[in-house]
C-alpha atoms as a PDB file:
ATOM      1  CA  MET A   1     -51.450  26.931 -12.775  1.00  0.00           C
ATOM      2  CA  ALA A   2     -47.767  27.741 -12.828  1.00  0.00           C
ATOM      3  CA  ARG A   3     -47.731  27.828  -8.994  1.00  0.00           C
ATOM      4  CA  ALA A   4     -49.179  24.247  -8.951  1.00  0.00           C
ATOM      5  CA  ARG A   5     -46.511  23.030 -11.405  1.00  0.00           C
ATOM      6  CA  VAL A   6     -43.747  24.559  -9.301  1.00  0.00           C
ATOM      7  CA  SER A   7     -45.213  22.987  -6.187  1.00  0.00           C
ATOM      8  CA  ARG A   8     -45.265  19.553  -7.847  1.00  0.00           C
ATOM      9  CA  LEU A   9     -41.657  19.990  -8.997  1.00  0.00           C
ATOM     10  CA  LEU A  10     -40.540  20.994  -5.521  1.00  0.00           C
ATOM     11  CA  ARG A  11     -42.220  17.908  -4.027  1.00  0.00           C
ATOM     12  CA  LEU A  12     -40.547  15.721  -6.694  1.00  0.00           C
ATOM     13  CA  PHE A  13     -37.093  17.243  -6.001  1.00  0.00           C
ATOM     14  CA  ALA A  14     -37.683  16.955  -2.239  1.00  0.00           C
ATOM     15  CA  GLY A  15     -37.995  13.206  -2.712  1.00  0.00           C
ATOM     16  CA  VAL A  16     -35.045  12.899  -5.134  1.00  0.00           C
ATOM     17  CA  LEU A  17     -32.445  15.256  -3.598  1.00  0.00           C
ATOM     18  CA  PRO A  18     -31.869  13.333  -0.352  1.00  0.00           C
ATOM     19  CA  PHE A  19     -31.210  10.195  -2.421  1.00  0.00           C
ATOM     20  CA  ALA A  20     -28.828  12.068  -4.778  1.00  0.00           C
ATOM     21  CA  TRP A  21     -26.974  13.551  -1.806  1.00  0.00           C
ATOM     22  CA  ALA A  22     -26.490  10.187  -0.175  1.00  0.00           C
ATOM     23  CA  VAL A  23     -25.164   8.652  -3.432  1.00  0.00           C
ATOM     24  CA  GLY A  24     -22.914  11.656  -3.974  1.00  0.00           C
ATOM     25  CA  ALA A  25     -21.596  11.374  -0.440  1.00  0.00           C
ATOM     26  CA  CYS A  26     -20.667   7.694  -0.896  1.00  0.00           C
ATOM     27  CA  THR A  27     -17.123   7.369  -2.152  1.00  0.00           C
ATOM     28  CA  HIS A  28     -15.727   4.202  -3.684  1.00  0.00           C
ATOM     29  CA  ALA A  29     -12.097   3.646  -2.880  1.00  0.00           C
ATOM     30  CA  GLU A  30     -10.006   2.585  -5.852  1.00  0.00           C
ATOM     31  CA  PRO A  31      -6.945   0.313  -5.801  1.00  0.00           C
ATOM     32  CA  VAL A  32      -3.667   2.171  -5.278  1.00  0.00           C
ATOM     33  CA  PHE A  33      -0.465   1.083  -7.073  1.00  0.00           C
ATOM     34  CA  ILE A  34       2.952   2.058  -5.716  1.00  0.00           C
ATOM     35  CA  SER A  35       6.232   1.660  -7.574  1.00  0.00           C
ATOM     36  CA  PRO A  36       8.975   0.569  -5.144  1.00  0.00           C
ATOM     37  CA  ALA A  37      11.556   2.478  -7.193  1.00  0.00           C
ATOM     38  CA  ALA A  38       9.648   5.713  -6.414  1.00  0.00           C
ATOM     39  CA  MET A  39       9.799   5.106  -2.644  1.00  0.00           C
ATOM     40  CA  VAL A  40      12.287   6.957  -0.452  1.00  0.00           C
ATOM     41  CA  ALA A  41      15.092   4.606   0.577  1.00  0.00           C
ATOM     42  CA  THR A  42      17.638   4.590   3.388  1.00  0.00           C
ATOM     43  CA  ALA A  43      21.005   5.689   2.064  1.00  0.00           C
ATOM     44  CA  SER A  44      23.049   2.674   0.974  1.00  0.00           C
ATOM     45  CA  ARG A  45      25.954   1.778  -1.270  1.00  0.00           C
ATOM     46  CA  LEU A  46      24.418  -1.596  -2.217  1.00  0.00           C
ATOM     47  CA  ASN A  47      20.647  -1.083  -2.291  1.00  0.00           C
ATOM     48  CA  HIS A  48      19.345   0.320  -5.606  1.00  0.00           C
ATOM     49  CA  PRO A  49      16.315   0.708  -7.873  1.00  0.00           C
ATOM     50  CA  GLU A  50      16.105  -1.622 -10.832  1.00  0.00           C
ATOM     51  CA  GLY A  51      13.465  -0.538 -13.328  1.00  0.00           C
ATOM     52  CA  THR A  52      10.290  -0.111 -11.263  1.00  0.00           C
ATOM     53  CA  SER A  53      11.578  -2.565  -8.617  1.00  0.00           C
ATOM     54  CA  TYR A  54      13.891  -1.978  -5.671  1.00  0.00           C
ATOM     55  CA  VAL A  55      16.716  -4.365  -4.696  1.00  0.00           C
ATOM     56  CA  LEU A  56      17.645  -4.568  -0.994  1.00  0.00           C
ATOM     57  CA  LEU A  57      20.945  -6.230  -0.100  1.00  0.00           C
ATOM     58  CA  GLU A  58      21.706  -4.636   3.277  1.00  0.00           C
ATOM     59  CA  PRO A  59      19.353  -3.612   6.090  1.00  0.00           C
ATOM     60  CA  ALA A  60      17.296  -0.604   4.892  1.00  0.00           C
ATOM     61  CA  THR A  61      13.825   0.826   4.779  1.00  0.00           C
ATOM     62  CA  LEU A  62      11.690   1.964   1.799  1.00  0.00           C
ATOM     63  CA  THR A  63       9.126   4.637   2.745  1.00  0.00           C
ATOM     64  CA  THR A  64       6.220   6.292   1.010  1.00  0.00           C
ATOM     65  CA  ARG A  65       3.423   8.536   2.279  1.00  0.00           C
ATOM     66  CA  VAL A  66      -0.168   7.556   1.555  1.00  0.00           C
ATOM     67  CA  LYS A  67      -3.311   9.714   1.991  1.00  0.00           C
ATOM     68  CA  PHE A  68      -6.533   8.043   3.141  1.00  0.00           C
ATOM     69  CA  ARG A  69      -9.810   9.912   2.652  1.00  0.00           C
ATOM     70  CA  SER A  70     -11.907   7.838   5.022  1.00  0.00           C
ATOM     71  CA  VAL A  71     -11.998   4.909   7.323  1.00  0.00           C
ATOM     72  CA  GLN A  72     -11.551   1.888   5.061  1.00  0.00           C
ATOM     73  CA  ARG A  73     -10.395  -1.759   5.244  1.00  0.00           C
ATOM     74  CA  TRP A  74      -7.543  -2.479   2.811  1.00  0.00           C
ATOM     75  CA  GLY A  75      -5.526  -5.390   1.575  1.00  0.00           C
ATOM     76  CA  LEU A  76      -1.845  -4.587   0.881  1.00  0.00           C
ATOM     77  CA  SER A  77      -0.233  -6.829  -1.740  1.00  0.00           C
ATOM     78  CA  ILE A  78       3.544  -6.749  -1.812  1.00  0.00           C
ATOM     79  CA  THR A  79       4.889  -8.599  -4.816  1.00  0.00           C
ATOM     80  CA  ALA A  80       8.463  -9.626  -4.072  1.00  0.00           C
ATOM     81  CA  ARG A  81      11.074 -12.242  -4.843  1.00  0.00           C
ATOM     82  CA  ALA A  82      14.202 -13.219  -3.013  1.00  0.00           C
ATOM     83  CA  GLU A  83      17.564 -14.948  -3.100  1.00  0.00           C
ATOM     84  CA  PRO A  84      18.839 -16.663   0.055  1.00  0.00           C
ATOM     85  CA  SER A  85      22.164 -15.826   1.639  1.00  0.00           C
ATOM     86  CA  PRO A  86      25.093 -18.226   1.076  1.00  0.00           C
ATOM     87  CA  GLY A  87      24.179 -19.743   4.452  1.00  0.00           C
ATOM     88  CA  GLY A  88      20.574 -20.363   3.280  1.00  0.00           C
ATOM     89  CA  ALA A  89      18.748 -17.602   5.154  1.00  0.00           C
ATOM     90  CA  TRP A  90      15.827 -15.983   3.346  1.00  0.00           C
ATOM     91  CA  PRO A  91      15.087 -12.237   3.747  1.00  0.00           C
ATOM     92  CA  HIS A  92      12.790 -11.068   6.558  1.00  0.00           C
ATOM     93  CA  LEU A  93      10.499  -8.190   5.494  1.00  0.00           C
ATOM     94  CA  ARG A  94       8.882  -5.878   8.083  1.00  0.00           C
ATOM     95  CA  ILE A  95       5.767  -3.967   6.975  1.00  0.00           C
ATOM     96  CA  GLU A  96       4.746  -0.865   8.983  1.00  0.00           C
ATOM     97  CA  LEU A  97       1.874   1.505   8.412  1.00  0.00           C
ATOM     98  CA  ASP A  98       1.134   4.345  10.848  1.00  0.00           C
ATOM     99  CA  GLY A  99      -1.655   3.251  13.153  1.00  0.00           C
ATOM    100  CA  ALA A 100      -1.683  -0.407  11.996  1.00  0.00           C
ATOM    101  CA  PRO A 101      -0.040  -3.449  13.603  1.00  0.00           C
ATOM    102  CA  THR A 102       3.478  -4.257  12.320  1.00  0.00           C
ATOM    103  CA  HIS A 103       3.838  -7.396  10.244  1.00  0.00           C
ATOM    104  CA  THR A 104       6.989  -9.388   9.641  1.00  0.00           C
ATOM    105  CA  LEU A 105       7.178 -12.119   7.008  1.00  0.00           C
ATOM    106  CA  VAL A 106       9.810 -14.260   5.355  1.00  0.00           C
ATOM    107  CA  VAL A 107      10.111 -13.936   1.619  1.00  0.00           C
ATOM    108  CA  ASP A 108      11.246 -17.426   0.605  1.00  0.00           C
ATOM    109  CA  ASP A 109      10.796 -17.766  -3.095  1.00  0.00           C
ATOM    110  CA  PRO A 110      12.934 -16.679  -6.093  1.00  0.00           C
ATOM    111  CA  ARG A 111       9.729 -16.172  -8.109  1.00  0.00           C
ATOM    112  CA  GLU A 112       7.543 -13.062  -7.937  1.00  0.00           C
ATOM    113  CA  ILE A 113       4.950 -13.898  -5.265  1.00  0.00           C
ATOM    114  CA  PRO A 114       2.311 -11.533  -3.788  1.00  0.00           C
ATOM    115  CA  TYR A 115       2.349 -11.389  -0.003  1.00  0.00           C
ATOM    116  CA  TRP A 116      -0.874 -10.006   1.582  1.00  0.00           C
ATOM    117  CA  VAL A 117      -1.442  -7.959   4.732  1.00  0.00           C
ATOM    118  CA  ASN A 118      -4.808  -6.534   5.775  1.00  0.00           C
ATOM    119  CA  PHE A 119      -5.281  -3.286   7.671  1.00  0.00           C
ATOM    120  CA  ALA A 120      -7.792  -0.496   8.408  1.00  0.00           C
ATOM    121  CA  SER A 121      -7.033   3.120   7.569  1.00  0.00           C
ATOM    122  CA  GLU A 122      -8.047   6.307   9.329  1.00  0.00           C
ATOM    123  CA  PRO A 123      -8.486   9.577   7.384  1.00  0.00           C
ATOM    124  CA  GLY A 124      -5.274  11.505   6.834  1.00  0.00           C
ATOM    125  CA  PHE A 125      -1.668  10.756   5.899  1.00  0.00           C
ATOM    126  CA  ALA A 126       0.239   7.634   6.894  1.00  0.00           C
ATOM    127  CA  ASP A 127       3.784   6.401   6.192  1.00  0.00           C
ATOM    128  CA  LEU A 128       4.083   2.970   4.661  1.00  0.00           C
ATOM    129  CA  LYS A 129       7.463   1.376   5.390  1.00  0.00           C
ATOM    130  CA  LEU A 130       9.032  -1.798   4.082  1.00  0.00           C
ATOM    131  CA  SER A 131      12.267  -2.923   5.791  1.00  0.00           C
ATOM    132  CA  LEU A 132      14.780  -5.676   5.118  1.00  0.00           C
ATOM    133  CA  LEU A 133      15.718  -6.883   8.571  1.00  0.00           C
ATOM    134  CA  ASN A 134      18.420  -9.483   8.034  1.00  0.00           C
ATOM    135  CA  GLY A 135      20.506  -8.095   5.160  1.00  0.00           C
ATOM    136  CA  ALA A 136      24.285  -7.954   5.511  1.00  0.00           C
ATOM    137  CA  ALA A 137      26.287  -4.715   5.340  1.00  0.00           C
ATOM    138  CA  ASP A 138      28.781  -6.408   2.983  1.00  0.00           C
ATOM    139  CA  GLY A 139      25.989  -7.689   0.666  1.00  0.00           C
ATOM    140  CA  ASP A 140      26.549 -11.375   1.579  1.00  0.00           C
ATOM    141  CA  GLY A 141      23.124 -11.664   3.229  1.00  0.00           C
ATOM    142  CA  PRO A 142      19.838 -12.535   1.552  1.00  0.00           C
ATOM    143  CA  THR A 143      18.572 -10.393  -1.273  1.00  0.00           C
ATOM    144  CA  LEU A 144      15.032  -8.940  -1.361  1.00  0.00           C
ATOM    145  CA  ILE A 145      13.591  -7.571  -4.599  1.00  0.00           C
ATOM    146  CA  VAL A 146      10.341  -5.639  -4.106  1.00  0.00           C
ATOM    147  CA  GLU A 147       8.587  -5.659  -7.481  1.00  0.00           C
ATOM    148  CA  ARG A 148       5.325  -3.708  -6.810  1.00  0.00           C
ATOM    149  CA  LEU A 149       2.780  -2.782  -4.210  1.00  0.00           C
ATOM    150  CA  GLU A 150      -0.978  -2.586  -4.521  1.00  0.00           C
ATOM    151  CA  MET A 151      -3.508  -1.484  -1.929  1.00  0.00           C
ATOM    152  CA  VAL A 152      -6.993  -2.936  -2.635  1.00  0.00           C
ATOM    153  CA  PRO A 153     -10.094  -1.732  -0.759  1.00  0.00           C
ATOM    154  CA  PHE A 154     -12.453  -4.295   0.763  1.00  0.00           C
END
């Protein structure tokens, strides 16, 4: 009697365990928020953190390291605002992530606007870099204020 009960339980678990393993093996990527003020910045006398934001006046790069657990498609939202140079030029922002194509965009609004870039990750660590390309060493170029970054899985 007990042996029959054990046998039925084993058959029941044999049908349930593969399903439980597959669900446990599935991972759901969560959005990742990055504070620009916490990123490593190129040494500069003019560029500086401001609260959780980072202000770039001269050419520089903000870098942070991100760890990806699996192959995943992501959307990177960079919320930024800008001030043009006295000559009217808006800041040019280069976005680099190890293993993904480089993107360059013009931040041309004094209001906080999210700028989106899509990429695919590979498992492991990658450096995310944001660079102001057309700043001026004397601070008379355009100003780029990076407010926040968010990586959202697709």
